[in-house]
Protein backbone atom coordinates (compact mmCIF):
# COMPACT_ATOMS: atom_id res chain seq x y z
CA UNK A 1 23.49 -28.48 19.43
CA UNK A 2 21.02 -29.97 21.86
CA UNK A 3 21.49 -33.05 24.06
CA UNK A 4 18.81 -35.76 23.94
CA UNK A 5 18.62 -38.70 26.33
CA UNK A 6 17.33 -42.15 25.45
CA UNK A 7 15.48 -43.55 28.47
CA UNK A 8 13.44 -46.65 29.20
CA UNK A 9 10.83 -47.66 31.77
CA UNK A 10 9.01 -50.86 32.72
CA UNK A 11 5.42 -52.01 32.99
CA UNK A 12 5.21 -52.15 30.04
CA UNK A 13 8.81 -51.88 28.80
CA UNK A 14 9.03 -48.76 26.62
CA UNK A 15 11.47 -46.06 25.54
CA UNK A 16 11.51 -42.29 25.16
CA UNK A 17 13.81 -39.63 23.73
CA UNK A 18 13.84 -36.42 25.73
CA UNK A 19 15.97 -33.56 27.00
CA UNK A 20 14.80 -34.67 30.48
CA UNK A 21 16.97 -36.84 32.68
CA UNK A 22 16.14 -39.83 34.81
CA UNK A 23 13.18 -39.90 37.17
CA UNK A 24 9.57 -41.05 37.50
CA UNK A 25 10.59 -44.60 36.58
CA UNK A 26 12.70 -43.63 33.53
CA UNK A 27 16.36 -44.78 33.36
CA UNK A 28 18.91 -43.23 30.98
CA UNK A 29 20.40 -45.72 28.49
CA UNK A 30 22.22 -43.46 26.00
CA UNK A 31 22.51 -39.85 24.80
CA UNK A 32 23.19 -37.99 21.58
CA UNK A 33 23.67 -34.44 20.34
CA UNK A 34 21.50 -33.16 17.51
CA UNK A 35 20.85 -29.83 15.86
CA UNK A 36 17.86 -27.64 16.74
CA UNK A 37 18.03 -26.02 13.28
CA UNK A 38 18.45 -27.57 9.86
CA UNK A 39 21.96 -28.13 8.58
CA UNK A 40 22.80 -29.17 5.00
CA UNK A 41 21.97 -32.84 4.40
CA UNK A 42 19.77 -33.25 7.48
CA UNK A 43 16.17 -34.36 8.01
CA UNK A 44 13.81 -33.26 10.79
CA UNK A 45 12.82 -35.96 13.27
CA UNK A 46 9.84 -35.38 15.56
CA UNK A 47 9.49 -36.69 19.10
CA UNK A 48 5.85 -37.60 19.77
CA UNK A 49 3.99 -39.25 22.61
CA UNK A 50 0.70 -41.10 23.02
CA UNK A 51 -1.19 -42.63 25.91
CA UNK A 52 -2.47 -46.00 27.07
CA UNK A 53 0.26 -46.95 27.77
CA UNK A 54 2.22 -43.69 27.79
CA UNK A 55 4.89 -44.12 25.12
CA UNK A 56 7.07 -42.12 22.75
CA UNK A 57 8.22 -42.37 19.15
CA UNK A 58 10.74 -40.64 16.91
CA UNK A 59 9.50 -40.18 13.36
CA UNK A 60 9.50 -37.85 10.39
CA UNK A 61 5.68 -37.98 10.69
CA UNK A 62 3.79 -35.21 12.44
CA UNK A 63 0.94 -35.29 14.91
CA UNK A 64 -2.14 -37.42 14.39
CA UNK A 65 -3.69 -40.78 15.19
CA UNK A 66 -3.27 -40.12 18.92
CA UNK A 67 0.35 -38.89 18.72
CA UNK A 68 1.23 -35.40 20.06
CA UNK A 69 4.38 -33.48 19.08
CA UNK A 70 6.69 -32.85 22.06
CA UNK A 71 10.01 -31.81 20.47
CA UNK A 72 12.09 -32.22 17.32
CA UNK A 73 15.69 -32.37 16.15
CA UNK A 74 17.64 -32.43 12.90
CA UNK A 75 19.93 -35.36 12.09
CA UNK A 76 21.76 -36.96 9.18
CA UNK A 77 20.31 -39.93 7.29
CA UNK A 78 23.76 -41.28 6.38
CA UNK A 79 27.12 -41.54 8.11
CA UNK A 80 29.21 -38.43 8.72
CA UNK A 81 32.53 -38.06 10.57
CA UNK A 82 32.18 -38.41 14.35
CA UNK A 83 28.57 -39.64 14.19
CA UNK A 84 26.94 -42.85 15.37
CA UNK A 85 24.06 -44.70 13.73
CA UNK A 86 20.89 -44.76 15.84
CA UNK A 87 18.05 -47.05 14.80
CA UNK A 88 14.36 -46.32 15.22
CA UNK A 89 12.64 -49.64 15.95
CA UNK A 90 8.99 -50.57 16.42
CA UNK A 91 7.36 -53.44 18.35
CA UNK A 92 3.83 -54.50 19.18
CA UNK A 93 1.86 -55.75 22.16
CA UNK A 94 1.78 -53.00 23.26
CA UNK A 95 2.63 -50.87 20.23
CA UNK A 96 5.80 -48.90 21.01
CA UNK A 97 9.04 -47.51 19.58
CA UNK A 98 12.65 -47.31 20.69
CA UNK A 99 15.82 -45.55 19.57
CA UNK A 100 18.97 -47.61 19.98
CA UNK A 101 22.28 -48.52 18.43
CA UNK A 102 20.95 -52.11 18.50
CA UNK A 103 19.49 -53.70 15.39
CA UNK A 104 16.37 -55.78 14.92
CA UNK A 105 15.55 -58.65 17.23
CA UNK A 106 13.32 -59.73 20.13
CA UNK A 107 10.24 -58.41 18.33
CA UNK A 108 11.76 -55.02 17.37
CA UNK A 109 11.58 -54.13 13.65
CA UNK A 110 13.75 -51.44 12.04
CA UNK A 111 11.77 -48.44 10.75
CA UNK A 112 14.50 -45.91 9.98
CA UNK A 113 17.97 -44.78 11.08
CA UNK A 114 19.69 -41.47 11.74
CA UNK A 115 23.25 -40.43 12.54
CA UNK A 116 24.09 -38.10 15.42
CA UNK A 117 26.97 -37.40 17.79
CA UNK A 118 26.87 -39.96 20.60
CA UNK A 119 27.44 -38.76 24.15
CA UNK A 120 28.93 -41.49 26.29
CA UNK A 121 26.86 -42.08 29.44
CA UNK A 122 28.48 -41.10 32.69
CA UNK A 123 27.95 -43.59 35.52
């Protein structure tokens, strides 16, 4: 299994999912473990980025329309023992995505969800 961090940065406020840690203005908000290879009942999620402003998204879509593939992981699309639901949300102005255990609100609209093993953040 591979550890992924959920990070955010300001100006404009945006999120990314990465194996990288904090730095260059990014602050870790959460983490999860996901599989690098397909397991029964899982779907591949791609981590992509685009510029102006630099932002990231998690999607089952591939590259295109300005998005470049950076990494991927395999996760469940329904609850399994010892997993947590993570939501993929989208907002505009500027167009951006986030991954969070939060639901819709404050301009964020649910696009999809996945279940993975949550890693509690160490302060």
